[in-house]
Amino acid sequence: METLEFIIYPDGRVQEKVTGIIGASCAEVTAAIEAQLGIVLSNEPTSEFFAAQVQQSGLENTQTTFSDW
């Protein structure tokens, strides 16, 4: 399940947490919201962000190995 969670602090800061979206596509989902909220002070990718990159890397190695035959 894809979820976006927002915590709004009394000083106006907003913490955004995205879960359930694999890979860097979470940035596409949140880009419009972040543009309306203002300046992004920090970004901490979760393990879900890196999950797709690991899978792609394995696929690339398999394809390269196969084409070397």
Protein backbone atom coordinates (compact mmCIF):
# COMPACT_ATOMS: atom_id res chain seq x y z
CA MET A 1 0.00 0.00 0.00
CA GLU A 2 1.36 3.42 -0.96
CA THR A 3 1.14 6.05 1.77
CA LEU A 4 2.29 9.62 2.27
CA GLU A 5 2.49 10.83 5.86
CA PHE A 6 2.92 14.49 6.80
CA ILE A 7 3.85 15.89 10.20
CA ILE A 8 3.40 19.65 10.50
CA TYR A 9 5.39 21.20 13.34
CA PRO A 10 4.39 24.40 15.21
CA ASP A 11 7.29 26.30 13.63
CA GLY A 12 5.95 25.51 10.11
CA ARG A 13 8.32 22.71 9.18
CA VAL A 14 6.73 19.75 7.43
CA GLN A 15 8.11 16.22 7.62
CA GLU A 16 7.04 13.96 4.78
CA LYS A 17 7.35 10.18 4.84
CA VAL A 18 6.62 8.00 1.81
CA THR A 19 6.12 4.24 2.14
CA GLY A 20 5.11 1.54 -0.28
CA ILE A 21 6.76 3.06 -3.35
CA ILE A 22 9.81 1.18 -4.62
CA GLY A 23 12.70 3.06 -6.20
CA ALA A 24 13.16 6.70 -7.07
CA SER A 25 9.60 7.11 -8.38
CA CYS A 26 8.63 8.39 -4.93
CA ALA A 27 10.33 11.67 -5.90
CA GLU A 28 7.95 11.99 -8.85
CA VAL A 29 4.96 11.39 -6.59
CA THR A 30 6.00 14.05 -4.07
CA ALA A 31 7.51 16.68 -6.41
CA ALA A 32 4.34 18.74 -6.83
CA ILE A 33 3.59 18.69 -3.10
CA GLU A 34 7.15 19.71 -2.21
CA ALA A 35 7.03 22.55 -4.74
CA GLN A 36 3.98 23.97 -2.94
CA LEU A 37 5.42 23.47 0.55
CA GLY A 38 8.67 25.35 -0.07
CA ILE A 39 12.36 24.62 0.42
CA VAL A 40 13.39 21.02 1.08
CA LEU A 41 15.95 21.05 3.90
CA SER A 42 16.87 17.38 3.86
CA ASN A 43 16.08 14.12 2.13
CA GLU A 44 16.63 10.70 3.70
CA PRO A 45 15.98 7.80 1.29
CA THR A 46 14.52 4.66 2.86
CA SER A 47 15.43 1.07 2.08
CA GLU A 48 12.52 0.99 -0.39
CA PHE A 49 14.28 3.69 -2.43
CA PHE A 50 17.34 1.48 -2.88
CA ALA A 51 15.42 -1.79 -3.43
CA ALA A 52 14.80 -1.19 -7.14
CA GLN A 53 18.38 -0.04 -7.75
CA VAL A 54 19.71 -3.34 -6.42
CA GLN A 55 17.33 -5.33 -8.63
CA GLN A 56 18.26 -3.30 -11.72
CA SER A 57 21.94 -3.81 -11.04
CA GLY A 58 21.47 -7.59 -10.94
CA LEU A 59 19.51 -7.50 -14.17
CA GLU A 60 22.19 -5.47 -15.93
CA ASN A 61 24.87 -7.95 -14.90
CA THR A 62 22.78 -10.86 -16.15
CA GLN A 63 22.23 -9.21 -19.50
CA THR A 64 25.90 -8.34 -19.87
CA THR A 65 26.93 -11.90 -19.03
CA PHE A 66 24.45 -13.35 -21.52
CA SER A 67 25.61 -11.06 -24.36
CA ASP A 68 29.23 -12.08 -23.79
CA TRP A 69 28.47 -15.67 -24.84
